[in-house]
Amino acid sequence: MVINPTYLAQRTRSSTSWSDAKTRVTKSYRDWLRASPEIQQMYSLNMPVSQIRTKIRQEFERHRYVSQIKTVDVLLFNSHQEFQETLNFWKQLTHVLKYFRAEEDPKARLPKNFIQGFIEGRN
């Protein structure tokens, strides 16, 4: 995928209002959803596209209540960077699968508190 310079300039400019930020977040979210089948095919993932889209939704929902526009801009920049790296096939399979590790491996989740982690033998 070739990056259009005007597209990049438009995507990396900072938001001036909440409506602008919301529009940019929605555009980023839709880009990720549209690319889900291509991501599944490129990385030969053994999961349905719906599961990939669900994970994308969870990642966007994690930052739903961010209240500062500058923070939203940084998150959008990081999202666009991840998007480009994923679609340019600059990531390895393990980098993509790390997002799905918590669902597959119950031990991959962080312990609820220090004592529980200590008892489980986690450092």
PDB file of N, CA and C in Angstrom:
ATOM      1  N   MET A   1       0.836  -1.167   0.000  1.00  0.00           N
ATOM      2  CA  MET A   1       0.000   0.000   0.000  1.00  0.00           C
ATOM      3  C   MET A   1       0.886   1.237   0.000  1.00  0.00           C
ATOM      4  N   VAL A   2       0.672   2.144  -0.908  1.00  0.00           N
ATOM      5  CA  VAL A   2       1.442   3.372  -1.004  1.00  0.00           C
ATOM      6  C   VAL A   2       0.711   4.461  -0.236  1.00  0.00           C
ATOM      7  N   ILE A   3       1.454   5.195   0.570  1.00  0.00           N
ATOM      8  CA  ILE A   3       0.851   6.253   1.376  1.00  0.00           C
ATOM      9  C   ILE A   3       0.799   7.535   0.562  1.00  0.00           C
ATOM     10  N   ASN A   4      -0.376   8.070   0.408  1.00  0.00           N
ATOM     11  CA  ASN A   4      -0.577   9.324  -0.281  1.00  0.00           C
ATOM     12  C   ASN A   4      -0.165  10.464   0.651  1.00  0.00           C
ATOM     13  N   PRO A   5       0.725  11.392   0.252  1.00  0.00           N
ATOM     14  CA  PRO A   5       1.185  12.464   1.152  1.00  0.00           C
ATOM     15  C   PRO A   5       0.067  13.366   1.643  1.00  0.00           C
ATOM     16  N   THR A   6      -0.920  13.674   0.794  1.00  0.00           N
ATOM     17  CA  THR A   6      -2.014  14.528   1.255  1.00  0.00           C
ATOM     18  C   THR A   6      -2.886  13.785   2.253  1.00  0.00           C
ATOM     19  N   TYR A   7      -3.034  12.474   2.057  1.00  0.00           N
ATOM     20  CA  TYR A   7      -3.797  11.658   3.008  1.00  0.00           C
ATOM     21  C   TYR A   7      -3.101  11.657   4.358  1.00  0.00           C
ATOM     22  N   LEU A   8      -1.776  11.490   4.333  1.00  0.00           N
ATOM     23  CA  LEU A   8      -1.008  11.468   5.569  1.00  0.00           C
ATOM     24  C   LEU A   8      -1.082  12.813   6.267  1.00  0.00           C
ATOM     25  N   ALA A   9      -0.982  13.899   5.521  1.00  0.00           N
ATOM     26  CA  ALA A   9      -1.063  15.230   6.125  1.00  0.00           C
ATOM     27  C   ALA A   9      -2.432  15.452   6.755  1.00  0.00           C
ATOM     28  N   GLN A  10      -3.463  14.965   6.084  1.00  0.00           N
ATOM     29  CA  GLN A  10      -4.812  15.112   6.617  1.00  0.00           C
ATOM     30  C   GLN A  10      -4.992  14.262   7.870  1.00  0.00           C
ATOM     31  N   ARG A  11      -4.412  13.062   7.880  1.00  0.00           N
ATOM     32  CA  ARG A  11      -4.586  12.145   8.998  1.00  0.00           C
ATOM     33  C   ARG A  11      -3.769  12.546  10.221  1.00  0.00           C
ATOM     34  N   THR A  12      -2.632  13.225  10.031  1.00  0.00           N
ATOM     35  CA  THR A  12      -1.764  13.519  11.162  1.00  0.00           C
ATOM     36  C   THR A  12      -1.983  14.912  11.732  1.00  0.00           C
ATOM     37  N   ARG A  13      -2.862  15.695  11.163  1.00  0.00           N
ATOM     38  CA  ARG A  13      -3.094  17.019  11.726  1.00  0.00           C
ATOM     39  C   ARG A  13      -3.864  16.876  13.030  1.00  0.00           C
ATOM     40  N   SER A  14      -3.686  17.832  13.897  1.00  0.00           N
ATOM     41  CA  SER A  14      -4.340  17.737  15.193  1.00  0.00           C
ATOM     42  C   SER A  14      -5.790  18.204  15.096  1.00  0.00           C
ATOM     43  N   SER A  15      -6.598  17.675  15.986  1.00  0.00           N
ATOM     44  CA  SER A  15      -8.009  18.027  16.018  1.00  0.00           C
ATOM     45  C   SER A  15      -8.178  19.407  16.646  1.00  0.00           C
ATOM     46  N   THR A  16      -9.152  20.128  16.149  1.00  0.00           N
ATOM     47  CA  THR A  16      -9.430  21.437  16.725  1.00  0.00           C
ATOM     48  C   THR A  16     -10.708  21.417  17.555  1.00  0.00           C
ATOM     49  N   SER A  17     -11.546  20.427  17.338  1.00  0.00           N
ATOM     50  CA  SER A  17     -12.793  20.352  18.084  1.00  0.00           C
ATOM     51  C   SER A  17     -13.137  18.886  18.332  1.00  0.00           C
ATOM     52  N   TRP A  18     -14.104  18.688  19.215  1.00  0.00           N
ATOM     53  CA  TRP A  18     -14.528  17.320  19.518  1.00  0.00           C
ATOM     54  C   TRP A  18     -15.190  16.669  18.321  1.00  0.00           C
ATOM     55  N   SER A  19     -15.930  17.435  17.535  1.00  0.00           N
ATOM     56  CA  SER A  19     -16.591  16.840  16.367  1.00  0.00           C
ATOM     57  C   SER A  19     -15.553  16.384  15.339  1.00  0.00           C
ATOM     58  N   ASP A  20     -14.475  17.162  15.179  1.00  0.00           N
ATOM     59  CA  ASP A  20     -13.396  16.767  14.278  1.00  0.00           C
ATOM     60  C   ASP A  20     -12.709  15.502  14.791  1.00  0.00           C
ATOM     61  N   ALA A  21     -12.449  15.460  16.085  1.00  0.00           N
ATOM     62  CA  ALA A  21     -11.799  14.287  16.682  1.00  0.00           C
ATOM     63  C   ALA A  21     -12.687  13.054  16.529  1.00  0.00           C
ATOM     64  N   LYS A  22     -13.969  13.220  16.778  1.00  0.00           N
ATOM     65  CA  LYS A  22     -14.900  12.098  16.667  1.00  0.00           C
ATOM     66  C   LYS A  22     -14.968  11.588  15.224  1.00  0.00           C
ATOM     67  N   THR A  23     -14.939  12.491  14.269  1.00  0.00           N
ATOM     68  CA  THR A  23     -14.958  12.102  12.867  1.00  0.00           C
ATOM     69  C   THR A  23     -13.710  11.306  12.515  1.00  0.00           C
ATOM     70  N   ARG A  24     -12.560  11.754  12.997  1.00  0.00           N
ATOM     71  CA  ARG A  24     -11.305  11.065  12.708  1.00  0.00           C
ATOM     72  C   ARG A  24     -11.251   9.692  13.379  1.00  0.00           C
ATOM     73  N   VAL A  25     -11.789   9.582  14.589  1.00  0.00           N
ATOM     74  CA  VAL A  25     -11.823   8.280  15.278  1.00  0.00           C
ATOM     75  C   VAL A  25     -12.726   7.319  14.519  1.00  0.00           C
ATOM     76  N   THR A  26     -13.874   7.794  14.101  1.00  0.00           N
ATOM     77  CA  THR A  26     -14.807   6.955  13.347  1.00  0.00           C
ATOM     78  C   THR A  26     -14.181   6.491  12.034  1.00  0.00           C
ATOM     79  N   LYS A  27     -13.467   7.385  11.356  1.00  0.00           N
ATOM     80  CA  LYS A  27     -12.801   7.013  10.105  1.00  0.00           C
ATOM     81  C   LYS A  27     -11.736   5.950  10.352  1.00  0.00           C
ATOM     82  N   SER A  28     -10.957   6.119  11.415  1.00  0.00           N
ATOM     83  CA  SER A  28      -9.925   5.138  11.740  1.00  0.00           C
ATOM     84  C   SER A  28     -10.553   3.782  12.061  1.00  0.00           C
ATOM     85  N   TYR A  29     -11.620   3.801  12.838  1.00  0.00           N
ATOM     86  CA  TYR A  29     -12.311   2.567  13.204  1.00  0.00           C
ATOM     87  C   TYR A  29     -12.844   1.847  11.959  1.00  0.00           C
ATOM     88  N   ARG A  30     -13.434   2.595  11.052  1.00  0.00           N
ATOM     89  CA  ARG A  30     -13.967   1.994   9.826  1.00  0.00           C
ATOM     90  C   ARG A  30     -12.850   1.446   8.939  1.00  0.00           C
ATOM     91  N   ASP A  31     -11.727   2.143   8.899  1.00  0.00           N
ATOM     92  CA  ASP A  31     -10.578   1.632   8.129  1.00  0.00           C
ATOM     93  C   ASP A  31     -10.140   0.277   8.661  1.00  0.00           C
ATOM     94  N   TRP A  32     -10.055   0.158   9.982  1.00  0.00           N
ATOM     95  CA  TRP A  32      -9.659  -1.115  10.591  1.00  0.00           C
ATOM     96  C   TRP A  32     -10.672  -2.208  10.262  1.00  0.00           C
ATOM     97  N   LEU A  33     -11.967  -1.884  10.377  1.00  0.00           N
ATOM     98  CA  LEU A  33     -12.991  -2.899  10.106  1.00  0.00           C
ATOM     99  C   LEU A  33     -12.963  -3.357   8.646  1.00  0.00           C
ATOM    100  N   ARG A  34     -12.764  -2.418   7.732  1.00  0.00           N
ATOM    101  CA  ARG A  34     -12.716  -2.777   6.315  1.00  0.00           C
ATOM    102  C   ARG A  34     -11.499  -3.624   5.978  1.00  0.00           C
ATOM    103  N   ALA A  35     -10.419  -3.430   6.732  1.00  0.00           N
ATOM    104  CA  ALA A  35      -9.184  -4.165   6.454  1.00  0.00           C
ATOM    105  C   ALA A  35      -9.148  -5.531   7.134  1.00  0.00           C
ATOM    106  N   SER A  36     -10.109  -5.839   7.965  1.00  0.00           N
ATOM    107  CA  SER A  36     -10.106  -7.104   8.715  1.00  0.00           C
ATOM    108  C   SER A  36      -9.986  -8.344   7.831  1.00  0.00           C
ATOM    109  N   PRO A  37     -10.760  -8.464   6.750  1.00  0.00           N
ATOM    110  CA  PRO A  37     -10.593  -9.653   5.903  1.00  0.00           C
ATOM    111  C   PRO A  37      -9.195  -9.742   5.283  1.00  0.00           C
ATOM    112  N   GLU A  38      -8.652  -8.594   4.903  1.00  0.00           N
ATOM    113  CA  GLU A  38      -7.307  -8.586   4.321  1.00  0.00           C
ATOM    114  C   GLU A  38      -6.255  -8.980   5.354  1.00  0.00           C
ATOM    115  N   ILE A  39      -6.427  -8.519   6.594  1.00  0.00           N
ATOM    116  CA  ILE A  39      -5.497  -8.879   7.672  1.00  0.00           C
ATOM    117  C   ILE A  39      -5.559 -10.386   7.922  1.00  0.00           C
ATOM    118  N   GLN A  40      -6.771 -10.925   7.948  1.00  0.00           N
ATOM    119  CA  GLN A  40      -6.922 -12.368   8.162  1.00  0.00           C
ATOM    120  C   GLN A  40      -6.219 -13.156   7.068  1.00  0.00           C
ATOM    121  N   GLN A  41      -6.362 -12.715   5.836  1.00  0.00           N
ATOM    122  CA  GLN A  41      -5.762 -13.421   4.709  1.00  0.00           C
ATOM    123  C   GLN A  41      -4.242 -13.247   4.691  1.00  0.00           C
ATOM    124  N   MET A  42      -3.751 -12.042   4.920  1.00  0.00           N
ATOM    125  CA  MET A  42      -2.310 -11.776   4.863  1.00  0.00           C
ATOM    126  C   MET A  42      -1.537 -12.572   5.906  1.00  0.00           C
ATOM    127  N   TYR A  43      -2.076 -12.614   7.124  1.00  0.00           N
ATOM    128  CA  TYR A  43      -1.371 -13.273   8.220  1.00  0.00           C
ATOM    129  C   TYR A  43      -1.818 -14.722   8.427  1.00  0.00           C
ATOM    130  N   SER A  44      -2.691 -15.227   7.568  1.00  0.00           N
ATOM    131  CA  SER A  44      -3.204 -16.600   7.643  1.00  0.00           C
ATOM    132  C   SER A  44      -3.708 -16.928   9.042  1.00  0.00           C
ATOM    133  N   LEU A  45      -4.572 -16.081   9.556  1.00  0.00           N
ATOM    134  CA  LEU A  45      -5.104 -16.263  10.908  1.00  0.00           C
ATOM    135  C   LEU A  45      -6.182 -17.333  10.902  1.00  0.00           C
ATOM    136  N   ASN A  46      -6.137 -18.208  11.883  1.00  0.00           N
ATOM    137  CA  ASN A  46      -7.131 -19.280  11.999  1.00  0.00           C
ATOM    138  C   ASN A  46      -8.287 -18.842  12.881  1.00  0.00           C
ATOM    139  N   MET A  47      -8.882 -17.726  12.533  1.00  0.00           N
ATOM    140  CA  MET A  47     -10.040 -17.219  13.270  1.00  0.00           C
ATOM    141  C   MET A  47     -10.928 -16.474  12.289  1.00  0.00           C
ATOM    142  N   PRO A  48     -12.211 -16.424  12.596  1.00  0.00           N
ATOM    143  CA  PRO A  48     -13.121 -15.735  11.677  1.00  0.00           C
ATOM    144  C   PRO A  48     -12.897 -14.219  11.711  1.00  0.00           C
ATOM    145  N   VAL A  49     -13.318 -13.571  10.651  1.00  0.00           N
ATOM    146  CA  VAL A  49     -13.192 -12.113  10.556  1.00  0.00           C
ATOM    147  C   VAL A  49     -13.978 -11.436  11.677  1.00  0.00           C
ATOM    148  N   SER A  50     -15.074 -12.039  12.083  1.00  0.00           N
ATOM    149  CA  SER A  50     -15.883 -11.454  13.151  1.00  0.00           C
ATOM    150  C   SER A  50     -15.105 -11.358  14.461  1.00  0.00           C
ATOM    151  N   GLN A  51     -14.257 -12.331  14.736  1.00  0.00           N
ATOM    152  CA  GLN A  51     -13.448 -12.293  15.955  1.00  0.00           C
ATOM    153  C   GLN A  51     -12.391 -11.186  15.869  1.00  0.00           C
ATOM    154  N   ILE A  52     -11.841 -10.975  14.697  1.00  0.00           N
ATOM    155  CA  ILE A  52     -10.874  -9.894  14.500  1.00  0.00           C
ATOM    156  C   ILE A  52     -11.564  -8.548  14.692  1.00  0.00           C
ATOM    157  N   ARG A  53     -12.745  -8.413  14.138  1.00  0.00           N
ATOM    158  CA  ARG A  53     -13.495  -7.158  14.280  1.00  0.00           C
ATOM    159  C   ARG A  53     -13.907  -6.918  15.731  1.00  0.00           C
ATOM    160  N   THR A  54     -14.238  -7.973  16.443  1.00  0.00           N
ATOM    161  CA  THR A  54     -14.578  -7.834  17.860  1.00  0.00           C
ATOM    162  C   THR A  54     -13.381  -7.324  18.648  1.00  0.00           C
ATOM    163  N   LYS A  55     -12.197  -7.835  18.352  1.00  0.00           N
ATOM    164  CA  LYS A  55     -10.990  -7.397  19.048  1.00  0.00           C
ATOM    165  C   LYS A  55     -10.679  -5.938  18.717  1.00  0.00           C
ATOM    166  N   ILE A  56     -10.881  -5.553  17.464  1.00  0.00           N
ATOM    167  CA  ILE A  56     -10.680  -4.151  17.084  1.00  0.00           C
ATOM    168  C   ILE A  56     -11.638  -3.261  17.859  1.00  0.00           C
ATOM    169  N   ARG A  57     -12.873  -3.701  17.967  1.00  0.00           N
ATOM    170  CA  ARG A  57     -13.877  -2.938  18.722  1.00  0.00           C
ATOM    171  C   ARG A  57     -13.446  -2.794  20.181  1.00  0.00           C
ATOM    172  N   GLN A  58     -12.956  -3.866  20.790  1.00  0.00           N
ATOM    173  CA  GLN A  58     -12.503  -3.821  22.182  1.00  0.00           C
ATOM    174  C   GLN A  58     -11.344  -2.844  22.357  1.00  0.00           C
ATOM    175  N   GLU A  59     -10.430  -2.829  21.403  1.00  0.00           N
ATOM    176  CA  GLU A  59      -9.289  -1.912  21.498  1.00  0.00           C
ATOM    177  C   GLU A  59      -9.751  -0.459  21.409  1.00  0.00           C
ATOM    178  N   PHE A  60     -10.728  -0.166  20.559  1.00  0.00           N
ATOM    179  CA  PHE A  60     -11.245   1.199  20.483  1.00  0.00           C
ATOM    180  C   PHE A  60     -12.068   1.542  21.733  1.00  0.00           C
ATOM    181  N   GLU A  61     -12.814   0.579  22.248  1.00  0.00           N
ATOM    182  CA  GLU A  61     -13.624   0.814  23.450  1.00  0.00           C
ATOM    183  C   GLU A  61     -12.763   1.065  24.688  1.00  0.00           C
ATOM    184  N   ARG A  62     -11.543   0.527  24.705  1.00  0.00           N
ATOM    185  CA  ARG A  62     -10.641   0.748  25.834  1.00  0.00           C
ATOM    186  C   ARG A  62     -10.386   2.229  26.070  1.00  0.00           C
ATOM    187  N   HIS A  63     -10.400   3.014  24.999  1.00  0.00           N
ATOM    188  CA  HIS A  63     -10.090   4.439  25.093  1.00  0.00           C
ATOM    189  C   HIS A  63     -11.324   5.307  24.849  1.00  0.00           C
ATOM    190  N   ARG A  64     -12.474   4.752  25.085  1.00  0.00           N
ATOM    191  CA  ARG A  64     -13.721   5.463  24.785  1.00  0.00           C
ATOM    192  C   ARG A  64     -13.896   6.742  25.597  1.00  0.00           C
ATOM    193  N   TYR A  65     -13.465   6.742  26.834  1.00  0.00           N
ATOM    194  CA  TYR A  65     -13.732   7.876  27.725  1.00  0.00           C
ATOM    195  C   TYR A  65     -12.532   8.804  27.882  1.00  0.00           C
ATOM    196  N   VAL A  66     -11.670   8.849  26.897  1.00  0.00           N
ATOM    197  CA  VAL A  66     -10.568   9.808  26.922  1.00  0.00           C
ATOM    198  C   VAL A  66     -11.170  11.191  26.727  1.00  0.00           C
ATOM    199  N   SER A  67     -10.787  12.127  27.591  1.00  0.00           N
ATOM    200  CA  SER A  67     -11.455  13.428  27.583  1.00  0.00           C
ATOM    201  C   SER A  67     -10.580  14.575  27.093  1.00  0.00           C
ATOM    202  N   GLN A  68      -9.330  14.314  26.721  1.00  0.00           N
ATOM    203  CA  GLN A  68      -8.460  15.384  26.236  1.00  0.00           C
ATOM    204  C   GLN A  68      -8.199  15.195  24.748  1.00  0.00           C
ATOM    205  N   ILE A  69      -8.365  16.263  24.000  1.00  0.00           N
ATOM    206  CA  ILE A  69      -8.220  16.185  22.547  1.00  0.00           C
ATOM    207  C   ILE A  69      -6.793  15.816  22.157  1.00  0.00           C
ATOM    208  N   LYS A  70      -5.805  16.333  22.879  1.00  0.00           N
ATOM    209  CA  LYS A  70      -4.414  16.009  22.538  1.00  0.00           C
ATOM    210  C   LYS A  70      -4.140  14.521  22.733  1.00  0.00           C
ATOM    211  N   THR A  71      -4.740  13.931  23.748  1.00  0.00           N
ATOM    212  CA  THR A  71      -4.582  12.495  23.972  1.00  0.00           C
ATOM    213  C   THR A  71      -5.255  11.702  22.853  1.00  0.00           C
ATOM    214  N   VAL A  72      -6.412  12.166  22.419  1.00  0.00           N
ATOM    215  CA  VAL A  72      -7.106  11.521  21.300  1.00  0.00           C
ATOM    216  C   VAL A  72      -6.232  11.579  20.051  1.00  0.00           C
ATOM    217  N   ASP A  73      -5.576  12.728  19.828  1.00  0.00           N
ATOM    218  CA  ASP A  73      -4.694  12.859  18.670  1.00  0.00           C
ATOM    219  C   ASP A  73      -3.548  11.856  18.723  1.00  0.00           C
ATOM    220  N   VAL A  74      -2.951  11.679  19.898  1.00  0.00           N
ATOM    221  CA  VAL A  74      -1.852  10.720  20.039  1.00  0.00           C
ATOM    222  C   VAL A  74      -2.360   9.299  19.793  1.00  0.00           C
ATOM    223  N   LEU A  75      -3.516   8.961  20.352  1.00  0.00           N
ATOM    224  CA  LEU A  75      -4.086   7.627  20.146  1.00  0.00           C
ATOM    225  C   LEU A  75      -4.406   7.384  18.673  1.00  0.00           C
ATOM    226  N   LEU A  76      -4.908   8.399  17.997  1.00  0.00           N
ATOM    227  CA  LEU A  76      -5.200   8.264  16.568  1.00  0.00           C
ATOM    228  C   LEU A  76      -3.920   8.093  15.762  1.00  0.00           C
ATOM    229  N   PHE A  77      -2.891   8.821  16.126  1.00  0.00           N
ATOM    230  CA  PHE A  77      -1.612   8.658  15.427  1.00  0.00           C
ATOM    231  C   PHE A  77      -1.084   7.238  15.614  1.00  0.00           C
ATOM    232  N   ASN A  78      -1.147   6.724  16.852  1.00  0.00           N
ATOM    233  CA  ASN A  78      -0.692   5.362  17.118  1.00  0.00           C
ATOM    234  C   ASN A  78      -1.541   4.329  16.374  1.00  0.00           C
ATOM    235  N   SER A  79      -2.838   4.580  16.304  1.00  0.00           N
ATOM    236  CA  SER A  79      -3.723   3.675  15.580  1.00  0.00           C
ATOM    237  C   SER A  79      -3.364   3.654  14.093  1.00  0.00           C
ATOM    238  N   HIS A  80      -3.121   4.822  13.535  1.00  0.00           N
ATOM    239  CA  HIS A  80      -2.774   4.893  12.114  1.00  0.00           C
ATOM    240  C   HIS A  80      -1.430   4.217  11.859  1.00  0.00           C
ATOM    241  N   GLN A  81      -0.496   4.384  12.780  1.00  0.00           N
ATOM    242  CA  GLN A  81       0.806   3.745  12.644  1.00  0.00           C
ATOM    243  C   GLN A  81       0.669   2.224  12.679  1.00  0.00           C
ATOM    244  N   GLU A  82      -0.097   1.700  13.635  1.00  0.00           N
ATOM    245  CA  GLU A  82      -0.336   0.257  13.712  1.00  0.00           C
ATOM    246  C   GLU A  82      -1.028  -0.246  12.448  1.00  0.00           C
ATOM    247  N   PHE A  83      -1.971   0.530  11.966  1.00  0.00           N
ATOM    248  CA  PHE A  83      -2.719   0.166  10.764  1.00  0.00           C
ATOM    249  C   PHE A  83      -1.778   0.039   9.564  1.00  0.00           C
ATOM    250  N   GLN A  84      -0.911   1.035   9.379  1.00  0.00           N
ATOM    251  CA  GLN A  84       0.018   1.005   8.258  1.00  0.00           C
ATOM    252  C   GLN A  84       1.012  -0.140   8.384  1.00  0.00           C
ATOM    253  N   GLU A  85       1.529  -0.352   9.584  1.00  0.00           N
ATOM    254  CA  GLU A  85       2.487  -1.438   9.786  1.00  0.00           C
ATOM    255  C   GLU A  85       1.840  -2.797   9.548  1.00  0.00           C
ATOM    256  N   THR A  86       0.590  -2.933   9.936  1.00  0.00           N
ATOM    257  CA  THR A  86      -0.116  -4.198   9.742  1.00  0.00           C
ATOM    258  C   THR A  86      -0.378  -4.456   8.263  1.00  0.00           C
ATOM    259  N   LEU A  87      -0.881  -3.452   7.561  1.00  0.00           N
ATOM    260  CA  LEU A  87      -1.223  -3.650   6.154  1.00  0.00           C
ATOM    261  C   LEU A  87       0.002  -3.694   5.253  1.00  0.00           C
ATOM    262  N   ASN A  88       1.098  -3.089   5.647  1.00  0.00           N
ATOM    263  CA  ASN A  88       2.329  -3.168   4.856  1.00  0.00           C
ATOM    264  C   ASN A  88       3.081  -4.460   5.121  1.00  0.00           C
ATOM    265  N   PHE A  89       2.542  -5.288   5.978  1.00  0.00           N
ATOM    266  CA  PHE A  89       3.114  -6.585   6.340  1.00  0.00           C
ATOM    267  C   PHE A  89       4.489  -6.421   6.986  1.00  0.00           C
ATOM    268  N   TRP A  90       4.620  -5.369   7.807  1.00  0.00           N
ATOM    269  CA  TRP A  90       5.852  -5.133   8.546  1.00  0.00           C
ATOM    270  C   TRP A  90       5.841  -5.853   9.875  1.00  0.00           C
ATOM    271  N   LYS A  91       4.701  -6.389  10.260  1.00  0.00           N
ATOM    272  CA  LYS A  91       4.589  -7.129  11.518  1.00  0.00           C
ATOM    273  C   LYS A  91       4.735  -8.614  11.236  1.00  0.00           C
ATOM    274  N   GLN A  92       5.205  -9.305  12.232  1.00  0.00           N
ATOM    275  CA  GLN A  92       5.238 -10.752  12.125  1.00  0.00           C
ATOM    276  C   GLN A  92       3.950 -11.305  12.722  1.00  0.00           C
ATOM    277  N   LEU A  93       3.722 -12.578  12.489  1.00  0.00           N
ATOM    278  CA  LEU A  93       2.496 -13.216  12.968  1.00  0.00           C
ATOM    279  C   LEU A  93       2.361 -13.086  14.486  1.00  0.00           C
ATOM    280  N   THR A  94       3.472 -13.214  15.200  1.00  0.00           N
ATOM    281  CA  THR A  94       3.413 -13.121  16.667  1.00  0.00           C
ATOM    282  C   THR A  94       2.979 -11.734  17.131  1.00  0.00           C
ATOM    283  N   HIS A  95       3.334 -10.696  16.388  1.00  0.00           N
ATOM    284  CA  HIS A  95       2.918  -9.343  16.753  1.00  0.00           C
ATOM    285  C   HIS A  95       1.408  -9.176  16.634  1.00  0.00           C
ATOM    286  N   VAL A  96       0.828  -9.807  15.639  1.00  0.00           N
ATOM    287  CA  VAL A  96      -0.619  -9.717  15.447  1.00  0.00           C
ATOM    288  C   VAL A  96      -1.338 -10.591  16.475  1.00  0.00           C
ATOM    289  N   LEU A  97      -0.793 -11.777  16.741  1.00  0.00           N
ATOM    290  CA  LEU A  97      -1.457 -12.701  17.661  1.00  0.00           C
ATOM    291  C   LEU A  97      -1.397 -12.256  19.119  1.00  0.00           C
ATOM    292  N   LYS A  98      -0.501 -11.327  19.451  1.00  0.00           N
ATOM    293  CA  LYS A  98      -0.429 -10.880  20.853  1.00  0.00           C
ATOM    294  C   LYS A  98      -1.728 -10.202  21.294  1.00  0.00           C
ATOM    295  N   TYR A  99      -2.492  -9.650  20.357  1.00  0.00           N
ATOM    296  CA  TYR A  99      -3.766  -9.036  20.704  1.00  0.00           C
ATOM    297  C   TYR A  99      -4.812 -10.071  21.112  1.00  0.00           C
ATOM    298  N   PHE A 100      -4.650 -11.298  20.643  1.00  0.00           N
ATOM    299  CA  PHE A 100      -5.630 -12.349  20.909  1.00  0.00           C
ATOM    300  C   PHE A 100      -5.162 -13.312  21.996  1.00  0.00           C
ATOM    301  N   ARG A 101      -4.033 -13.069  22.599  1.00  0.00           N
ATOM    302  CA  ARG A 101      -3.459 -14.010  23.559  1.00  0.00           C
ATOM    303  C   ARG A 101      -4.326 -14.179  24.802  1.00  0.00           C
ATOM    304  N   ALA A 102      -4.909 -13.127  25.319  1.00  0.00           N
ATOM    305  CA  ALA A 102      -5.704 -13.205  26.545  1.00  0.00           C
ATOM    306  C   ALA A 102      -6.920 -14.118  26.371  1.00  0.00           C
ATOM    307  N   GLU A 103      -7.499 -14.156  25.168  1.00  0.00           N
ATOM    308  CA  GLU A 103      -8.665 -15.014  24.940  1.00  0.00           C
ATOM    309  C   GLU A 103      -8.263 -16.478  24.812  1.00  0.00           C
ATOM    310  N   GLU A 104      -7.086 -16.738  24.278  1.00  0.00           N
ATOM    311  CA  GLU A 104      -6.661 -18.110  24.037  1.00  0.00           C
ATOM    312  C   GLU A 104      -6.011 -18.752  25.253  1.00  0.00           C
ATOM    313  N   ASP A 105      -5.209 -17.994  25.986  1.00  0.00           N
ATOM    314  CA  ASP A 105      -4.433 -18.534  27.092  1.00  0.00           C
ATOM    315  C   ASP A 105      -4.883 -17.869  28.397  1.00  0.00           C
ATOM    316  N   PRO A 106      -5.579 -18.602  29.279  1.00  0.00           N
ATOM    317  CA  PRO A 106      -6.052 -17.983  30.520  1.00  0.00           C
ATOM    318  C   PRO A 106      -4.914 -17.533  31.438  1.00  0.00           C
ATOM    319  N   LYS A 107      -3.734 -18.137  31.321  1.00  0.00           N
ATOM    320  CA  LYS A 107      -2.611 -17.738  32.160  1.00  0.00           C
ATOM    321  C   LYS A 107      -1.967 -16.443  31.672  1.00  0.00           C
ATOM    322  N   ALA A 108      -2.341 -15.988  30.479  1.00  0.00           N
ATOM    323  CA  ALA A 108      -1.753 -14.773  29.932  1.00  0.00           C
ATOM    324  C   ALA A 108      -2.305 -13.520  30.602  1.00  0.00           C
ATOM    325  N   ARG A 109      -3.391 -13.644  31.315  1.00  0.00           N
ATOM    326  CA  ARG A 109      -3.981 -12.486  31.982  1.00  0.00           C
ATOM    327  C   ARG A 109      -3.175 -12.120  33.213  1.00  0.00           C
ATOM    328  N   LEU A 110      -3.171 -10.855  33.505  1.00  0.00           N
ATOM    329  CA  LEU A 110      -2.450 -10.389  34.682  1.00  0.00           C
ATOM    330  C   LEU A 110      -3.190 -10.810  35.945  1.00  0.00           C
ATOM    331  N   PRO A 111      -2.454 -11.068  37.018  1.00  0.00           N
ATOM    332  CA  PRO A 111      -3.120 -11.412  38.272  1.00  0.00           C
ATOM    333  C   PRO A 111      -3.887 -10.211  38.823  1.00  0.00           C
ATOM    334  N   LYS A 112      -4.910 -10.509  39.645  1.00  0.00           N
ATOM    335  CA  LYS A 112      -5.744  -9.436  40.184  1.00  0.00           C
ATOM    336  C   LYS A 112      -5.005  -8.580  41.201  1.00  0.00           C
ATOM    337  N   ASN A 113      -4.103  -9.192  41.949  1.00  0.00           N
ATOM    338  CA  ASN A 113      -3.338  -8.424  42.928  1.00  0.00           C
ATOM    339  C   ASN A 113      -1.948  -9.029  43.078  1.00  0.00           C
ATOM    340  N   PHE A 114      -1.114  -8.384  43.869  1.00  0.00           N
ATOM    341  CA  PHE A 114       0.274  -8.816  44.015  1.00  0.00           C
ATOM    342  C   PHE A 114       0.372 -10.203  44.636  1.00  0.00           C
ATOM    343  N   ILE A 115      -0.411 -10.453  45.679  1.00  0.00           N
ATOM    344  CA  ILE A 115      -0.320 -11.725  46.393  1.00  0.00           C
ATOM    345  C   ILE A 115      -0.691 -12.887  45.477  1.00  0.00           C
ATOM    346  N   GLN A 116      -1.749 -12.725  44.704  1.00  0.00           N
ATOM    347  CA  GLN A 116      -2.158 -13.784  43.787  1.00  0.00           C
ATOM    348  C   GLN A 116      -1.058 -14.055  42.759  1.00  0.00           C
ATOM    349  N   GLY A 117      -0.438 -13.005  42.225  1.00  0.00           N
ATOM    350  CA  GLY A 117       0.656 -13.173  41.280  1.00  0.00           C
ATOM    351  C   GLY A 117       1.861 -13.846  41.935  1.00  0.00           C
ATOM    352  N   PHE A 118       2.135 -13.518  43.192  1.00  0.00           N
ATOM    353  CA  PHE A 118       3.247 -14.108  43.921  1.00  0.00           C
ATOM    354  C   PHE A 118       3.021 -15.610  44.128  1.00  0.00           C
ATOM    355  N   ILE A 119       1.790 -15.963  44.493  1.00  0.00           N
ATOM    356  CA  ILE A 119       1.452 -17.367  44.718  1.00  0.00           C
ATOM    357  C   ILE A 119       1.537 -18.162  43.414  1.00  0.00           C
ATOM    358  N   GLU A 120       1.144 -17.539  42.292  1.00  0.00           N
ATOM    359  CA  GLU A 120       1.197 -18.211  40.989  1.00  0.00           C
ATOM    360  C   GLU A 120       2.632 -18.324  40.481  1.00  0.00           C
ATOM    361  N   GLY A 121       3.548 -17.637  41.084  1.00  0.00           N
ATOM    362  CA  GLY A 121       4.946 -17.685  40.654  1.00  0.00           C
ATOM    363  C   GLY A 121       5.308 -16.695  39.585  1.00  0.00           C
ATOM    364  N   ARG A 122       4.515 -15.639  39.451  1.00  0.00           N
ATOM    365  CA  ARG A 122       4.818 -14.608  38.463  1.00  0.00           C
ATOM    366  C   ARG A 122       5.723 -13.570  39.079  1.00  0.00           C
ATOM    367  N   ASN A 123       6.591 -13.032  38.278  1.00  0.00           N
ATOM    368  CA  ASN A 123       7.503 -11.982  38.765  1.00  0.00           C
ATOM    369  C   ASN A 123       7.023 -10.633  38.336  1.00  0.00           C
TER     370      ASN A 123
END
